[in-house]
C-alpha atoms as a PDB file:
ATOM      1  CA  MET A   1       9.262  24.066 -70.110  1.00  0.00           C
ATOM      2  CA  SER A   2      11.529  22.980 -67.337  1.00  0.00           C
ATOM      3  CA  ALA A   3      10.718  19.783 -65.554  1.00  0.00           C
ATOM      4  CA  ALA A   4       9.574  20.290 -62.007  1.00  0.00           C
ATOM      5  CA  THR A   5      11.963  18.845 -59.529  1.00  0.00           C
ATOM      6  CA  THR A   6      10.484  16.762 -56.770  1.00  0.00           C
ATOM      7  CA  GLN A   7      11.831  17.215 -53.291  1.00  0.00           C
ATOM      8  CA  PRO A   8      11.815  14.259 -50.915  1.00  0.00           C
ATOM      9  CA  ALA A   9       9.253  14.576 -48.169  1.00  0.00           C
ATOM     10  CA  ALA A  10      10.699  15.733 -44.886  1.00  0.00           C
ATOM     11  CA  THR A  11      10.644  13.069 -42.247  1.00  0.00           C
ATOM     12  CA  ALA A  12       9.307  14.264 -38.922  1.00  0.00           C
ATOM     13  CA  GLU A  13      11.688  13.433 -36.140  1.00  0.00           C
ATOM     14  CA  PRO A  14      10.182  12.184 -32.918  1.00  0.00           C
ATOM     15  CA  ALA A  15      10.212  14.697 -30.097  1.00  0.00           C
ATOM     16  CA  PRO A  16      12.726  13.878 -27.406  1.00  0.00           C
ATOM     17  CA  ALA A  17      11.268  12.301 -24.302  1.00  0.00           C
ATOM     18  CA  ALA A  18      10.584  14.653 -21.462  1.00  0.00           C
ATOM     19  CA  ARG A  19      13.346  14.630 -18.926  1.00  0.00           C
ATOM     20  CA  GLN A  20      12.141  13.196 -15.659  1.00  0.00           C
ATOM     21  CA  VAL A  21      13.280  14.992 -12.532  1.00  0.00           C
ATOM     22  CA  THR A  22      14.753  12.691  -9.898  1.00  0.00           C
ATOM     23  CA  GLU A  23      16.036  13.455  -6.442  1.00  0.00           C
ATOM     24  CA  ARG A  24      19.616  14.538  -5.867  1.00  0.00           C
ATOM     25  CA  ASP A  25      21.465  16.183  -2.986  1.00  0.00           C
ATOM     26  CA  ALA A  26      21.388  19.955  -2.792  1.00  0.00           C
ATOM     27  CA  TRP A  27      24.364  22.111  -1.903  1.00  0.00           C
ATOM     28  CA  ALA A  28      24.151  23.704   1.536  1.00  0.00           C
ATOM     29  CA  ALA A  29      26.526  25.417   3.946  1.00  0.00           C
ATOM     30  CA  PRO A  30      26.595  24.842   7.714  1.00  0.00           C
ATOM     31  CA  GLY A  31      23.795  26.976   9.075  1.00  0.00           C
ATOM     32  CA  ILE A  32      25.262  27.680  12.513  1.00  0.00           C
ATOM     33  CA  ARG A  33      28.328  29.391  11.051  1.00  0.00           C
ATOM     34  CA  VAL A  34      26.228  31.539   8.752  1.00  0.00           C
ATOM     35  CA  LEU A  35      23.924  32.389  11.661  1.00  0.00           C
ATOM     36  CA  VAL A  36      26.887  33.542  13.749  1.00  0.00           C
ATOM     37  CA  LEU A  37      28.170  35.574  10.800  1.00  0.00           C
ATOM     38  CA  GLY A  38      24.771  37.217  10.403  1.00  0.00           C
ATOM     39  CA  LEU A  39      24.634  38.106  14.090  1.00  0.00           C
ATOM     40  CA  VAL A  40      28.127  39.617  13.887  1.00  0.00           C
ATOM     41  CA  LEU A  41      27.163  41.701  10.844  1.00  0.00           C
ATOM     42  CA  THR A  42      24.017  42.857  12.629  1.00  0.00           C
ATOM     43  CA  LEU A  43      26.031  43.968  15.646  1.00  0.00           C
ATOM     44  CA  VAL A  44      28.506  45.768  13.380  1.00  0.00           C
ATOM     45  CA  VAL A  45      25.673  47.605  11.617  1.00  0.00           C
ATOM     46  CA  ALA A  46      24.156  48.629  14.946  1.00  0.00           C
ATOM     47  CA  GLY A  47      27.557  49.826  16.155  1.00  0.00           C
ATOM     48  CA  LEU A  48      28.085  51.914  13.018  1.00  0.00           C
ATOM     49  CA  PHE A  49      24.754  53.646  13.458  1.00  0.00           C
ATOM     50  CA  VAL A  50      25.704  54.441  17.048  1.00  0.00           C
ATOM     51  CA  LEU A  51      29.154  55.600  15.932  1.00  0.00           C
ATOM     52  CA  GLN A  52      27.817  58.094  13.396  1.00  0.00           C
ATOM     53  CA  ALA A  53      26.240  60.061  16.228  1.00  0.00           C
ATOM     54  CA  TYR A  54      29.700  60.835  17.613  1.00  0.00           C
ATOM     55  CA  VAL A  55      31.352  61.658  14.286  1.00  0.00           C
ATOM     56  CA  HIS A  56      31.285  65.181  12.883  1.00  0.00           C
ATOM     57  CA  GLY A  57      32.303  66.726   9.656  1.00  0.00           C
ATOM     58  CA  ALA A  58      32.727  65.079   6.272  1.00  0.00           C
ATOM     59  CA  VAL A  59      33.358  61.585   7.716  1.00  0.00           C
ATOM     60  CA  LYS A  60      29.926  61.555   9.392  1.00  0.00           C
ATOM     61  CA  ALA A  61      28.390  59.839   6.343  1.00  0.00           C
ATOM     62  CA  VAL A  62      31.006  57.077   6.241  1.00  0.00           C
ATOM     63  CA  PRO A  63      29.544  54.911   9.080  1.00  0.00           C
ATOM     64  CA  ILE A  64      26.073  55.237   7.572  1.00  0.00           C
ATOM     65  CA  VAL A  65      27.254  54.162   4.123  1.00  0.00           C
ATOM     66  CA  VAL A  66      29.144  51.189   5.534  1.00  0.00           C
ATOM     67  CA  ALA A  67      26.185  50.202   7.695  1.00  0.00           C
ATOM     68  CA  VAL A  68      23.842  50.303   4.715  1.00  0.00           C
ATOM     69  CA  LEU A  69      26.259  48.184   2.677  1.00  0.00           C
ATOM     70  CA  LEU A  70      26.483  45.580   5.469  1.00  0.00           C
ATOM     71  CA  CYS A  71      22.697  45.368   5.916  1.00  0.00           C
ATOM     72  CA  PHE A  72      22.284  43.505   2.638  1.00  0.00           C
ATOM     73  CA  PRO A  73      24.689  40.582   3.394  1.00  0.00           C
ATOM     74  CA  ALA A  74      23.295  40.368   6.935  1.00  0.00           C
ATOM     75  CA  GLU A  75      19.779  40.033   5.549  1.00  0.00           C
ATOM     76  CA  LEU A  76      20.893  37.412   3.032  1.00  0.00           C
ATOM     77  CA  SER A  77      22.608  35.356   5.716  1.00  0.00           C
ATOM     78  CA  PHE A  78      19.366  35.134   7.710  1.00  0.00           C
ATOM     79  CA  HIS A  79      17.088  34.642   4.714  1.00  0.00           C
ATOM     80  CA  GLY A  80      19.032  31.624   3.452  1.00  0.00           C
ATOM     81  CA  LEU A  81      18.793  29.704   6.728  1.00  0.00           C
ATOM     82  CA  THR A  82      16.521  26.666   6.895  1.00  0.00           C
ATOM     83  CA  ALA A  83      16.051  24.051   9.618  1.00  0.00           C
ATOM     84  CA  VAL A  84      15.529  20.413   8.619  1.00  0.00           C
ATOM     85  CA  VAL A  85      13.920  18.229  11.297  1.00  0.00           C
ATOM     86  CA  PRO A  86      13.858  14.402  11.293  1.00  0.00           C
ATOM     87  CA  GLY A  87      11.147  13.027   9.039  1.00  0.00           C
ATOM     88  CA  GLU A  88      11.160  16.050   6.734  1.00  0.00           C
ATOM     89  CA  ALA A  89      13.080  17.261   3.699  1.00  0.00           C
ATOM     90  CA  ARG A  90      13.509  20.524   1.842  1.00  0.00           C
ATOM     91  CA  VAL A  91      13.199  20.687  -1.936  1.00  0.00           C
ATOM     92  CA  ILE A  92      15.339  23.564  -3.234  1.00  0.00           C
ATOM     93  CA  GLN A  93      14.009  25.400  -6.273  1.00  0.00           C
ATOM     94  CA  LEU A  94      15.816  28.384  -7.832  1.00  0.00           C
ATOM     95  CA  PHE A  95      14.222  30.448 -10.576  1.00  0.00           C
ATOM     96  CA  GLY A  96      11.903  27.586 -11.545  1.00  0.00           C
ATOM     97  CA  SER A  97      14.696  24.982 -11.662  1.00  0.00           C
ATOM     98  CA  TYR A  98      15.163  22.053  -9.285  1.00  0.00           C
ATOM     99  CA  HIS A  99      18.470  22.340  -7.425  1.00  0.00           C
ATOM    100  CA  GLY A 100      18.339  19.311  -5.130  1.00  0.00           C
ATOM    101  CA  THR A 101      16.906  18.112  -1.820  1.00  0.00           C
ATOM    102  CA  LEU A 102      18.099  18.572   1.747  1.00  0.00           C
ATOM    103  CA  ARG A 103      17.517  15.501   3.930  1.00  0.00           C
ATOM    104  CA  SER A 104      20.213  15.778   6.626  1.00  0.00           C
ATOM    105  CA  GLN A 105      18.775  17.228   9.808  1.00  0.00           C
ATOM    106  CA  GLY A 106      20.011  20.437  11.395  1.00  0.00           C
ATOM    107  CA  MET A 107      20.472  24.078  10.423  1.00  0.00           C
ATOM    108  CA  ARG A 108      21.520  24.618   6.810  1.00  0.00           C
ATOM    109  CA  TRP A 109      22.124  27.666   4.637  1.00  0.00           C
ATOM    110  CA  VAL A 110      21.217  27.644   0.974  1.00  0.00           C
ATOM    111  CA  ASN A 111      20.945  30.273  -1.731  1.00  0.00           C
ATOM    112  CA  PRO A 112      18.767  32.989  -0.169  1.00  0.00           C
ATOM    113  CA  PHE A 113      16.949  33.540  -3.475  1.00  0.00           C
ATOM    114  CA  ALA A 114      15.922  29.872  -3.671  1.00  0.00           C
ATOM    115  CA  GLN A 115      12.496  28.579  -2.697  1.00  0.00           C
ATOM    116  CA  LYS A 116      12.590  25.983   0.056  1.00  0.00           C
ATOM    117  CA  ARG A 117       9.589  23.615  -0.168  1.00  0.00           C
ATOM    118  CA  LYS A 118       8.940  21.432   2.848  1.00  0.00           C
ATOM    119  CA  ILE A 119       7.897  17.817   2.283  1.00  0.00           C
ATOM    120  CA  SER A 120       7.296  15.077   4.830  1.00  0.00           C
ATOM    121  CA  THR A 121       9.213  11.805   4.479  1.00  0.00           C
ATOM    122  CA  ARG A 122       7.498  10.113   7.422  1.00  0.00           C
ATOM    123  CA  ILE A 123       5.649   6.813   7.072  1.00  0.00           C
ATOM    124  CA  ARG A 124       1.978   7.395   6.382  1.00  0.00           C
ATOM    125  CA  ASN A 125      -1.089   5.202   6.094  1.00  0.00           C
ATOM    126  CA  HIS A 126      -4.230   5.578   4.053  1.00  0.00           C
ATOM    127  CA  GLU A 127      -7.458   3.661   4.549  1.00  0.00           C
ATOM    128  CA  THR A 128      -9.832   3.482   1.627  1.00  0.00           C
ATOM    129  CA  ALA A 129     -13.557   3.932   1.978  1.00  0.00           C
ATOM    130  CA  VAL A 130     -15.738   0.828   1.811  1.00  0.00           C
ATOM    131  CA  ALA A 131     -16.318   0.178  -1.893  1.00  0.00           C
ATOM    132  CA  LYS A 132     -19.019  -2.004  -3.422  1.00  0.00           C
ATOM    133  CA  VAL A 133     -17.536  -4.031  -6.278  1.00  0.00           C
ATOM    134  CA  ASN A 134     -18.540  -7.114  -8.252  1.00  0.00           C
ATOM    135  CA  ASP A 135     -16.083  -9.971  -7.804  1.00  0.00           C
ATOM    136  CA  ALA A 136     -14.939 -12.271 -10.601  1.00  0.00           C
ATOM    137  CA  ASP A 137     -18.182 -14.283 -10.285  1.00  0.00           C
ATOM    138  CA  GLY A 138     -20.336 -11.177 -10.531  1.00  0.00           C
ATOM    139  CA  ASN A 139     -21.360 -11.158  -6.866  1.00  0.00           C
ATOM    140  CA  PRO A 140     -21.499  -7.711  -5.212  1.00  0.00           C
ATOM    141  CA  ILE A 141     -19.050  -7.462  -2.318  1.00  0.00           C
ATOM    142  CA  GLU A 142     -17.893  -4.735   0.047  1.00  0.00           C
ATOM    143  CA  ILE A 143     -14.148  -4.263   0.352  1.00  0.00           C
ATOM    144  CA  ALA A 144     -11.750  -1.790   1.965  1.00  0.00           C
ATOM    145  CA  ALA A 145      -7.994  -1.732   2.515  1.00  0.00           C
ATOM    146  CA  VAL A 146      -5.273   0.174   4.344  1.00  0.00           C
ATOM    147  CA  VAL A 147      -1.923   0.949   2.724  1.00  0.00           C
ATOM    148  CA  VAL A 148       1.283   2.056   4.449  1.00  0.00           C
ATOM    149  CA  TRP A 149       3.453   4.276   2.250  1.00  0.00           C
ATOM    150  CA  GLN A 150       6.358   6.696   2.319  1.00  0.00           C
ATOM    151  CA  VAL A 151       7.852   9.321   0.022  1.00  0.00           C
ATOM    152  CA  GLN A 152      11.083   7.957  -1.424  1.00  0.00           C
ATOM    153  CA  ASP A 153      11.876  10.452  -4.210  1.00  0.00           C
ATOM    154  CA  THR A 154      10.975  13.985  -3.156  1.00  0.00           C
ATOM    155  CA  ALA A 155      11.594  15.459  -6.609  1.00  0.00           C
ATOM    156  CA  LYS A 156       9.073  13.128  -8.254  1.00  0.00           C
ATOM    157  CA  ALA A 157       6.576  13.718  -5.441  1.00  0.00           C
ATOM    158  CA  ILE A 158       6.719  17.485  -5.993  1.00  0.00           C
ATOM    159  CA  TYR A 159       7.109  17.776  -9.761  1.00  0.00           C
ATOM    160  CA  ALA A 160       5.596  14.600 -11.259  1.00  0.00           C
ATOM    161  CA  VAL A 161       2.082  14.998  -9.811  1.00  0.00           C
ATOM    162  CA  ASP A 162      -0.037  17.854  -8.520  1.00  0.00           C
ATOM    163  CA  ASP A 163      -0.812  16.368  -5.089  1.00  0.00           C
ATOM    164  CA  PHE A 164       1.062  13.157  -4.292  1.00  0.00           C
ATOM    165  CA  ALA A 165      -1.065  12.324  -1.203  1.00  0.00           C
ATOM    166  CA  ARG A 166      -4.291  12.549  -3.209  1.00  0.00           C
ATOM    167  CA  PHE A 167      -2.616  10.660  -6.049  1.00  0.00           C
ATOM    168  CA  VAL A 168      -1.788   7.778  -3.678  1.00  0.00           C
ATOM    169  CA  ALA A 169      -5.360   7.744  -2.349  1.00  0.00           C
ATOM    170  CA  ILE A 170      -6.937   7.567  -5.807  1.00  0.00           C
ATOM    171  CA  GLN A 171      -4.520   4.944  -7.133  1.00  0.00           C
ATOM    172  CA  THR A 172      -4.988   2.819  -4.011  1.00  0.00           C
ATOM    173  CA  GLU A 173      -8.753   2.800  -4.433  1.00  0.00           C
ATOM    174  CA  THR A 174      -8.355   1.948  -8.120  1.00  0.00           C
ATOM    175  CA  ALA A 175      -6.036  -0.973  -7.309  1.00  0.00           C
ATOM    176  CA  VAL A 176      -8.403  -2.291  -4.614  1.00  0.00           C
ATOM    177  CA  ARG A 177     -11.329  -2.250  -7.044  1.00  0.00           C
ATOM    178  CA  HIS A 178      -9.264  -3.976  -9.736  1.00  0.00           C
ATOM    179  CA  ILE A 179      -8.068  -6.719  -7.383  1.00  0.00           C
ATOM    180  CA  ALA A 180     -11.596  -7.262  -6.044  1.00  0.00           C
ATOM    181  CA  SER A 181     -13.016  -7.692  -9.549  1.00  0.00           C
ATOM    182  CA  SER A 182     -10.208 -10.050 -10.612  1.00  0.00           C
ATOM    183  CA  TYR A 183     -10.825 -12.822  -8.051  1.00  0.00           C
ATOM    184  CA  PRO A 184     -13.915 -14.552  -6.655  1.00  0.00           C
ATOM    185  CA  TYR A 185     -14.933 -14.016  -3.069  1.00  0.00           C
ATOM    186  CA  ASP A 186     -14.860 -17.770  -2.354  1.00  0.00           C
ATOM    187  CA  ASN A 187     -13.253 -20.573  -4.366  1.00  0.00           C
ATOM    188  CA  ARG A 188     -15.884 -23.118  -3.167  1.00  0.00           C
ATOM    189  CA  GLY A 189     -13.351 -25.874  -2.965  1.00  0.00           C
ATOM    190  CA  SER A 190     -11.981 -25.398  -6.480  1.00  0.00           C
ATOM    191  CA  GLY A 191      -8.469 -24.545  -5.246  1.00  0.00           C
ATOM    192  CA  ASP A 192      -8.271 -21.295  -7.224  1.00  0.00           C
ATOM    193  CA  LEU A 193      -7.183 -18.026  -5.633  1.00  0.00           C
ATOM    194  CA  SER A 194     -10.002 -16.240  -3.823  1.00  0.00           C
ATOM    195  CA  LEU A 195     -10.290 -13.094  -1.754  1.00  0.00           C
ATOM    196  CA  ARG A 196     -11.365 -14.898   1.412  1.00  0.00           C
ATOM    197  CA  ASP A 197      -9.283 -18.074   1.314  1.00  0.00           C
ATOM    198  CA  ASN A 198      -5.973 -16.614   0.040  1.00  0.00           C
ATOM    199  CA  ALA A 199      -5.616 -13.373   1.970  1.00  0.00           C
ATOM    200  CA  ASP A 200      -1.787 -13.401   2.024  1.00  0.00           C
ATOM    201  CA  GLU A 201      -1.409 -13.899  -1.737  1.00  0.00           C
ATOM    202  CA  ILE A 202      -4.093 -11.325  -2.484  1.00  0.00           C
ATOM    203  CA  THR A 203      -2.487  -8.670  -0.258  1.00  0.00           C
ATOM    204  CA  GLN A 204       0.907  -9.297  -1.867  1.00  0.00           C
ATOM    205  CA  ARG A 205      -0.573  -8.766  -5.318  1.00  0.00           C
ATOM    206  CA  LEU A 206      -2.429  -5.704  -4.055  1.00  0.00           C
ATOM    207  CA  SER A 207       0.813  -4.210  -2.692  1.00  0.00           C
ATOM    208  CA  ALA A 208       2.615  -4.907  -5.966  1.00  0.00           C
ATOM    209  CA  GLU A 209      -0.127  -3.276  -8.041  1.00  0.00           C
ATOM    210  CA  ILE A 210      -0.317  -0.182  -5.825  1.00  0.00           C
ATOM    211  CA  ALA A 211       3.485   0.144  -5.863  1.00  0.00           C
ATOM    212  CA  ASP A 212       3.500   0.001  -9.653  1.00  0.00           C
ATOM    213  CA  ARG A 213       0.776   2.643  -9.891  1.00  0.00           C
ATOM    214  CA  VAL A 214       2.396   5.167  -7.509  1.00  0.00           C
ATOM    215  CA  ALA A 215       6.024   4.689  -8.586  1.00  0.00           C
ATOM    216  CA  SER A 216       5.802   7.690 -10.907  1.00  0.00           C
ATOM    217  CA  ALA A 217       5.083   9.896  -7.867  1.00  0.00           C
ATOM    218  CA  GLY A 218       8.236   8.805  -6.030  1.00  0.00           C
ATOM    219  CA  VAL A 219       6.269   6.833  -3.423  1.00  0.00           C
ATOM    220  CA  THR A 220       7.169   3.402  -2.053  1.00  0.00           C
ATOM    221  CA  ILE A 221       4.599   0.990  -0.606  1.00  0.00           C
ATOM    222  CA  ILE A 222       5.574  -0.638   2.679  1.00  0.00           C
ATOM    223  CA  GLU A 223       2.516  -2.796   3.310  1.00  0.00           C
ATOM    224  CA  SER A 224      -1.147  -3.137   2.415  1.00  0.00           C
ATOM    225  CA  ARG A 225      -3.925  -5.107   4.098  1.00  0.00           C
ATOM    226  CA  LEU A 226      -7.622  -5.716   3.508  1.00  0.00           C
ATOM    227  CA  THR A 227      -9.614  -4.254   6.402  1.00  0.00           C
ATOM    228  CA  ARG A 228     -13.091  -5.246   5.229  1.00  0.00           C
ATOM    229  CA  LEU A 229     -14.302  -8.061   3.011  1.00  0.00           C
ATOM    230  CA  SER A 230     -17.919  -9.218   2.948  1.00  0.00           C
ATOM    231  CA  TYR A 231     -20.836  -9.820   0.649  1.00  0.00           C
ATOM    232  CA  ALA A 232     -23.103  -6.856  -0.021  1.00  0.00           C
ATOM    233  CA  PRO A 233     -26.150  -6.705   2.283  1.00  0.00           C
ATOM    234  CA  GLU A 234     -28.617  -7.539  -0.510  1.00  0.00           C
ATOM    235  CA  ILE A 235     -27.089 -10.999  -1.052  1.00  0.00           C
ATOM    236  CA  ALA A 236     -25.487 -11.605   2.335  1.00  0.00           C
ATOM    237  CA  GLN A 237     -28.287 -13.856   3.637  1.00  0.00           C
ATOM    238  CA  THR A 238     -28.464 -15.886   0.429  1.00  0.00           C
ATOM    239  CA  MET A 239     -24.689 -16.428   0.319  1.00  0.00           C
ATOM    240  CA  LEU A 240     -24.693 -17.293   4.028  1.00  0.00           C
ATOM    241  CA  ARG A 241     -27.233 -20.062   3.426  1.00  0.00           C
ATOM    242  CA  GLN A 242     -25.135 -21.278   0.506  1.00  0.00           C
ATOM    243  CA  GLN A 243     -22.029 -21.359   2.708  1.00  0.00           C
ATOM    244  CA  GLN A 244     -23.934 -23.197   5.418  1.00  0.00           C
ATOM    245  CA  ALA A 245     -25.211 -25.751   2.897  1.00  0.00           C
ATOM    246  CA  SER A 246     -21.693 -26.252   1.567  1.00  0.00           C
ATOM    247  CA  ALA A 247     -20.403 -26.696   5.106  1.00  0.00           C
ATOM    248  CA  VAL A 248     -23.092 -29.288   5.878  1.00  0.00           C
ATOM    249  CA  ILE A 249     -22.343 -31.204   2.688  1.00  0.00           C
ATOM    250  CA  GLY A 250     -18.631 -31.164   3.446  1.00  0.00           C
ATOM    251  CA  ALA A 251     -19.228 -32.369   7.004  1.00  0.00           C
ATOM    252  CA  ARG A 252     -21.506 -35.197   5.847  1.00  0.00           C
ATOM    253  CA  GLN A 253     -18.885 -36.284   3.319  1.00  0.00           C
ATOM    254  CA  ARG A 254     -16.275 -36.493   6.069  1.00  0.00           C
ATOM    255  CA  ILE A 255     -18.685 -38.461   8.258  1.00  0.00           C
ATOM    256  CA  VAL A 256     -19.500 -40.939   5.491  1.00  0.00           C
ATOM    257  CA  GLU A 257     -15.805 -41.388   4.623  1.00  0.00           C
ATOM    258  CA  GLY A 258     -15.002 -42.065   8.262  1.00  0.00           C
ATOM    259  CA  ALA A 259     -17.964 -44.438   8.689  1.00  0.00           C
ATOM    260  CA  VAL A 260     -17.001 -46.472   5.622  1.00  0.00           C
ATOM    261  CA  GLY A 261     -13.455 -46.783   6.947  1.00  0.00           C
ATOM    262  CA  MET A 262     -14.711 -47.935  10.355  1.00  0.00           C
ATOM    263  CA  VAL A 263     -17.057 -50.518   8.798  1.00  0.00           C
ATOM    264  CA  LYS A 264     -14.271 -51.835   6.591  1.00  0.00           C
ATOM    265  CA  LEU A 265     -11.964 -52.102   9.599  1.00  0.00           C
ATOM    266  CA  ALA A 266     -14.665 -53.909  11.638  1.00  0.00           C
ATOM    267  CA  LEU A 267     -15.277 -56.502   8.943  1.00  0.00           C
ATOM    268  CA  GLN A 268     -11.552 -57.035   8.484  1.00  0.00           C
ATOM    269  CA  ARG A 269     -10.953 -57.549  12.203  1.00  0.00           C
ATOM    270  CA  LEU A 270     -13.882 -59.968  12.501  1.00  0.00           C
ATOM    271  CA  GLN A 271     -12.508 -61.989   9.626  1.00  0.00           C
ATOM    272  CA  GLU A 272      -8.899 -61.986  10.878  1.00  0.00           C
ATOM    273  CA  ASP A 273      -9.807 -62.931  14.473  1.00  0.00           C
ATOM    274  CA  ASP A 274     -12.302 -65.552  13.256  1.00  0.00           C
ATOM    275  CA  VAL A 275     -14.939 -64.238  15.664  1.00  0.00           C
ATOM    276  CA  VAL A 276     -17.929 -65.081  13.519  1.00  0.00           C
ATOM    277  CA  GLU A 277     -18.434 -66.330   9.991  1.00  0.00           C
ATOM    278  CA  LEU A 278     -20.665 -64.035   7.955  1.00  0.00           C
ATOM    279  CA  ASP A 279     -22.106 -64.660   4.535  1.00  0.00           C
ATOM    280  CA  GLU A 280     -22.650 -61.859   2.048  1.00  0.00           C
ATOM    281  CA  GLU A 281     -26.221 -61.163   3.182  1.00  0.00           C
ATOM    282  CA  ARG A 282     -25.211 -60.910   6.846  1.00  0.00           C
ATOM    283  CA  LYS A 283     -22.302 -58.689   5.903  1.00  0.00           C
ATOM    284  CA  ALA A 284     -24.694 -56.408   4.021  1.00  0.00           C
ATOM    285  CA  SER A 285     -27.018 -56.250   7.040  1.00  0.00           C
ATOM    286  CA  MET A 286     -24.113 -55.485   9.374  1.00  0.00           C
ATOM    287  CA  VAL A 287     -22.787 -52.746   7.059  1.00  0.00           C
ATOM    288  CA  SER A 288     -26.266 -51.208   6.884  1.00  0.00           C
ATOM    289  CA  ASN A 289     -26.670 -51.199  10.663  1.00  0.00           C
ATOM    290  CA  LEU A 290     -23.180 -49.745  11.270  1.00  0.00           C
ATOM    291  CA  LEU A 291     -23.688 -46.997   8.720  1.00  0.00           C
ATOM    292  CA  VAL A 292     -27.008 -46.076  10.309  1.00  0.00           C
ATOM    293  CA  VAL A 293     -25.388 -45.893  13.731  1.00  0.00           C
ATOM    294  CA  LEU A 294     -22.325 -43.941  12.590  1.00  0.00           C
ATOM    295  CA  CYS A 295     -23.992 -41.530  10.148  1.00  0.00           C
ATOM    296  CA  SER A 296     -27.200 -40.783  12.027  1.00  0.00           C
ATOM    297  CA  GLU A 297     -27.549 -37.297  13.486  1.00  0.00           C
ATOM    298  CA  GLN A 298     -29.688 -38.617  16.357  1.00  0.00           C
ATOM    299  CA  SER A 299     -29.043 -41.274  18.977  1.00  0.00           C
ATOM    300  CA  THR A 300     -29.880 -44.779  17.821  1.00  0.00           C
ATOM    301  CA  GLN A 301     -31.849 -47.247  19.923  1.00  0.00           C
ATOM    302  CA  PRO A 302     -30.682 -50.877  19.961  1.00  0.00           C
ATOM    303  CA  VAL A 303     -33.230 -53.517  18.888  1.00  0.00           C
ATOM    304  CA  VAL A 304     -32.831 -57.076  20.169  1.00  0.00           C
ATOM    305  CA  ASN A 305     -33.564 -59.662  17.531  1.00  0.00           C
ATOM    306  CA  THR A 306     -34.706 -62.889  19.184  1.00  0.00           C
ATOM    307  CA  GLY A 307     -35.115 -64.717  15.912  1.00  0.00           C
ATOM    308  CA  THR A 308     -32.815 -65.159  13.011  1.00  0.00           C
ATOM    309  CA  LEU A 309     -31.792 -62.789  10.251  1.00  0.00           C
ATOM    310  CA  TYR A 310     -34.127 -64.504   7.798  1.00  0.00           C
ATOM    311  CA  GLN A 311     -37.290 -64.277   9.973  1.00  0.00           C
END
């Protein structure tokens, strides 16, 4: 018996990465010259057909044959013409292969068998619908944004995605929802980033996230802004009362801090100017009266004491 020979297992090689199509300039001839050439050929063909009516004999077929032969290049000269206006580009595709992009404005002539796909390079804006999302604290909020964008790479916009405008719209909405759920609506004095108190930082991060999401479609983000930011209607009244309570507490804290400073300054000035000598009990009574006057929400009425502090 012969020993069976073992063959080493074949190692599967990784498939090469798909080649990504990026924009490049397409070859094109001056369109005006080709247009003039086509007009000349058309006139020559018309003249040959007229000439054959005056020719007799065996040479009568010559003008017709020449005219027929010239019809084909005349047709090709007109069929290859394309006009590029400002704010638009033409993606040239020949037999299923990308052959470049025309961006320079004016009349151009390209391969007449090529497909010329028009794509807008103007600045566009997209406003998302109002979305209801839970913020980082779990509170339902309503948020919407507008994004200003522009096609930068026409090849990616055409070949990388099915519909680049719809792709931008979906990715923008996804980014808005992700940003809204990553930060609280209000930081409540904690100093952390919040949607309401740090609008500039939030919009910068929103623009960066949208730009990263749509880069594969050859789109650049110019600017993005939040157009709507509010609590959902079912909790709006409750959160409004909470904000009002927080505002009242903050205001009272400022009032008390200011009143304490004024009382301290009054006692210091009385002591420095030697206006009156106060013991600790009289100081306490004076501090109490000043705090009542300074911190009260209503007007205080003076009371004249005709006796002494201890009566």
